[in-house]
Amino acid sequence: MKKLYALFFGCIALLYSCESVDHLTISNENELKNTLKNEYMKISFQSENLALKNCSDFQFTFDDVEIIQLSKSDYNAIKKGLKDSKLNSLQVSNEVDFLVEYQGERYCMNHLGQMFKNNRKLNDHPELVYLLKNKSNYYNRFTEDDLMQSDTLIRRYGTPFGYHYESPEKAGKLLENDSLLIENINHRTHHNIILTY
């Protein structure tokens, strides 16, 4: 009987610790502050491919914002990791694939675990970058094969628990020469995410 109770309470705890995802129409920062009760981070990334870009190529916009509610412990771990990051004296090119805006600072990151704060190199923090990408559903936008070939963090830590590739909807159209043209529909390649708890 004790095992049954333990299993029941374990399932309840698991349900409450899961992240929830909402798509809301939010058009500016004031609406966002009025909608959310807790602090938040804004995240932006592109999913057309895994190529690295310059940090200035990433910009959070209020177009089709996705809000992901994390457990407070996950959110606090990310917040602590960002705040505790130290500047590194080495300056390398800041080619990145991910942007976090938090408390007026811009943190750009890449699949090598490199981090930049306002275009200045920080000490590498691969665990934090992996956690951020995982919790923002970044990895779900790419096939597992693409991730294994192009993402060093996936090769290092493995595919995240709960990974599921969100393939774009496809539509077929018959052309005049009887060939079939398949195209992606409703497929966003620029993602604007809000992480909160």
Protein backbone atom coordinates (compact mmCIF):
# COMPACT_ATOMS: atom_id res chain seq x y z
CA MET A 1 0.00 0.00 0.00
CA LYS A 2 2.87 2.38 0.80
CA LYS A 3 4.29 1.78 -2.67
CA LEU A 4 0.95 2.71 -4.22
CA TYR A 5 0.85 5.99 -2.27
CA ALA A 6 4.46 6.75 -3.20
CA LEU A 7 3.68 6.09 -6.86
CA PHE A 8 0.56 8.27 -6.70
CA PHE A 9 2.38 11.21 -5.10
CA GLY A 10 5.31 10.74 -7.48
CA CYS A 11 2.96 11.06 -10.45
CA ILE A 12 1.35 14.18 -8.96
CA ALA A 13 4.78 15.77 -8.39
CA LEU A 14 5.78 14.94 -11.95
CA LEU A 15 2.65 16.59 -13.34
CA TYR A 16 3.27 19.79 -11.40
CA SER A 17 6.94 19.97 -12.34
CA CYS A 18 6.30 19.78 -16.08
CA GLU A 19 6.76 22.85 -18.18
CA SER A 20 3.75 24.43 -19.81
CA VAL A 21 3.84 26.15 -23.17
CA ASP A 22 1.46 28.92 -24.21
CA HIS A 23 1.21 30.93 -27.40
CA LEU A 24 -0.03 34.42 -26.59
CA THR A 25 -0.47 37.55 -28.62
CA ILE A 26 1.74 40.08 -26.91
CA SER A 27 2.71 43.18 -28.82
CA ASN A 28 5.13 44.97 -26.51
CA GLU A 29 7.13 44.89 -23.28
CA ASN A 30 4.39 46.57 -21.20
CA GLU A 31 1.82 43.93 -22.19
CA LEU A 32 4.35 41.25 -21.32
CA LYS A 33 4.96 42.74 -17.85
CA ASN A 34 1.19 42.98 -17.27
CA THR A 35 0.64 39.37 -18.42
CA LEU A 36 3.35 37.68 -16.37
CA LYS A 37 3.52 37.75 -12.59
CA ASN A 38 7.12 36.51 -12.39
CA GLU A 39 10.38 37.66 -13.92
CA TYR A 40 11.29 36.35 -17.36
CA MET A 41 13.95 35.99 -20.03
CA LYS A 42 13.47 36.72 -23.71
CA ILE A 43 15.00 34.23 -26.14
CA SER A 44 15.45 34.41 -29.87
CA PHE A 45 16.83 31.86 -32.33
CA GLN A 46 16.45 30.78 -35.92
CA SER A 47 15.73 27.25 -37.06
CA GLU A 48 16.25 27.25 -40.80
CA ASN A 49 19.61 25.54 -40.20
CA LEU A 50 22.29 25.11 -37.55
CA ALA A 51 24.70 27.63 -39.09
CA LEU A 52 26.34 30.13 -36.77
CA LYS A 53 25.64 33.83 -37.22
CA ASN A 54 26.80 37.09 -35.72
CA CYS A 55 25.20 38.03 -32.41
CA SER A 56 23.79 41.22 -33.95
CA ASP A 57 21.75 39.06 -36.38
CA PHE A 58 19.50 37.99 -33.50
CA GLN A 59 16.73 40.24 -32.26
CA PHE A 60 13.81 39.38 -30.02
CA THR A 61 10.53 40.62 -31.48
CA PHE A 62 6.96 40.38 -30.26
CA ASP A 63 5.90 38.33 -33.28
CA ASP A 64 4.24 35.02 -32.38
CA VAL A 65 5.67 34.86 -28.86
CA GLU A 66 5.77 31.47 -27.18
CA ILE A 67 5.77 31.48 -23.36
CA ILE A 68 7.34 28.51 -21.60
CA GLN A 69 6.79 28.17 -17.87
CA LEU A 70 9.65 26.34 -16.14
CA SER A 71 9.93 24.98 -12.66
CA LYS A 72 11.26 27.64 -10.31
CA SER A 73 14.41 25.58 -9.68
CA ASP A 74 15.22 25.33 -13.41
CA TYR A 75 14.58 29.04 -13.89
CA ASN A 76 16.76 29.94 -10.89
CA ALA A 77 19.57 27.67 -12.13
CA ILE A 78 19.56 29.47 -15.47
CA LYS A 79 19.40 32.90 -13.81
CA LYS A 80 22.28 32.04 -11.48
CA GLY A 81 24.36 30.71 -14.38
CA LEU A 82 23.87 33.94 -16.35
CA LYS A 83 24.59 36.22 -13.39
CA ASP A 84 27.65 34.27 -12.23
CA SER A 85 29.27 34.18 -15.69
CA LYS A 86 32.70 35.83 -15.68
CA LEU A 87 34.39 37.80 -18.44
CA ASN A 88 37.16 36.02 -20.32
CA SER A 89 40.21 37.95 -21.53
CA LEU A 90 40.31 36.03 -24.81
CA GLN A 91 38.34 37.63 -27.60
CA VAL A 92 37.18 35.20 -30.25
CA SER A 93 34.67 35.70 -33.03
CA ASN A 94 31.18 35.77 -31.57
CA GLU A 95 29.49 33.40 -33.97
CA VAL A 96 26.37 32.19 -32.23
CA ASP A 97 23.03 30.48 -32.73
CA PHE A 98 21.04 31.62 -29.69
CA LEU A 99 20.18 34.88 -27.88
CA VAL A 100 18.98 35.48 -24.32
CA GLU A 101 17.92 38.94 -23.15
CA TYR A 102 17.79 39.19 -19.37
CA GLN A 103 17.67 42.29 -17.18
CA GLY A 104 18.92 44.58 -19.94
CA GLU A 105 21.84 42.34 -20.95
CA ARG A 106 22.26 40.40 -24.21
CA TYR A 107 23.76 36.93 -23.86
CA CYS A 108 24.67 35.21 -27.11
CA MET A 109 25.63 31.54 -27.16
CA ASN A 110 26.61 28.75 -29.50
CA HIS A 111 26.73 24.97 -29.72
CA LEU A 112 30.31 24.92 -28.41
CA GLY A 113 29.18 26.26 -25.05
CA GLN A 114 30.70 29.68 -25.73
CA MET A 115 28.91 32.69 -24.26
CA PHE A 116 29.09 36.41 -24.95
CA LYS A 117 27.57 39.20 -22.88
CA ASN A 118 27.01 42.45 -24.77
CA ASN A 119 29.58 41.23 -27.35
CA ARG A 120 32.26 40.47 -24.73
CA LYS A 121 33.49 36.91 -24.30
CA LEU A 122 32.51 35.09 -21.12
CA ASN A 123 34.02 31.90 -19.79
CA ASP A 124 32.57 28.91 -21.58
CA HIS A 125 29.60 27.33 -19.83
CA PRO A 126 28.41 24.36 -21.92
CA GLU A 127 26.06 23.01 -19.23
CA LEU A 128 24.19 26.31 -19.03
CA VAL A 129 23.93 26.67 -22.81
CA TYR A 130 22.65 23.09 -23.09
CA LEU A 131 20.09 23.70 -20.31
CA LEU A 132 18.84 26.93 -21.93
CA LYS A 133 18.51 25.35 -25.36
CA ASN A 134 16.76 22.33 -23.91
CA LYS A 135 14.28 24.31 -21.80
CA SER A 136 13.45 26.69 -24.68
CA ASN A 137 12.63 23.77 -27.03
CA TYR A 138 15.48 24.80 -29.33
CA TYR A 139 16.57 21.21 -29.94
CA ASN A 140 13.04 20.15 -30.93
CA ARG A 141 13.26 22.36 -34.03
CA PHE A 142 15.95 20.17 -35.64
CA THR A 143 16.19 16.52 -36.62
CA GLU A 144 18.24 14.28 -34.37
CA ASP A 145 20.63 13.55 -37.26
CA ASP A 146 21.24 17.27 -37.86
CA LEU A 147 21.85 17.83 -34.15
CA MET A 148 24.29 14.91 -33.87
CA GLN A 149 26.26 16.17 -36.87
CA SER A 150 26.32 19.88 -36.05
CA ASP A 151 25.80 20.44 -32.32
CA THR A 152 28.77 19.73 -30.06
CA LEU A 153 26.62 19.95 -26.92
CA ILE A 154 24.31 17.18 -28.18
CA ARG A 155 27.30 14.98 -28.92
CA ARG A 156 28.67 15.75 -25.43
CA TYR A 157 25.48 15.45 -23.32
CA GLY A 158 23.16 13.47 -25.58
CA THR A 159 19.68 14.14 -26.88
CA PRO A 160 17.61 15.77 -24.11
CA PHE A 161 14.98 13.77 -22.26
CA GLY A 162 11.61 14.45 -23.88
CA TYR A 163 13.14 15.44 -27.24
CA HIS A 164 10.65 15.28 -30.11
CA TYR A 165 11.30 16.80 -33.53
CA GLU A 166 8.59 19.31 -34.42
CA SER A 167 8.51 18.78 -38.15
CA PRO A 168 6.95 21.53 -40.25
CA GLU A 169 3.57 20.88 -41.82
CA LYS A 170 3.94 19.86 -45.43
CA ALA A 171 1.58 20.49 -48.32
CA GLY A 172 1.74 18.96 -51.76
CA LYS A 173 0.77 20.63 -55.00
CA LEU A 174 0.49 18.87 -58.35
CA LEU A 175 2.33 20.76 -61.10
CA GLU A 176 1.45 20.87 -64.80
CA ASN A 177 4.12 18.28 -65.63
CA ASP A 178 2.49 15.83 -63.18
CA SER A 179 5.28 16.23 -60.64
CA LEU A 180 4.50 16.90 -57.01
CA LEU A 181 5.87 20.00 -55.28
CA ILE A 182 6.08 19.62 -51.52
CA GLU A 183 6.44 22.79 -49.49
CA ASN A 184 6.42 23.71 -45.82
CA ILE A 185 3.37 25.60 -44.61
CA ASN A 186 3.01 27.54 -41.38
CA HIS A 187 6.69 26.95 -40.67
CA ARG A 188 8.37 29.64 -38.63
CA THR A 189 12.12 29.88 -38.76
CA HIS A 190 12.49 32.80 -36.32
CA HIS A 191 11.45 31.93 -32.77
CA ASN A 192 10.66 34.33 -29.93
CA ILE A 193 10.41 32.58 -26.58
CA ILE A 194 9.71 33.86 -23.09
CA LEU A 195 11.05 31.70 -20.24
CA THR A 196 9.42 32.26 -16.87
CA TYR A 197 8.43 30.20 -13.83
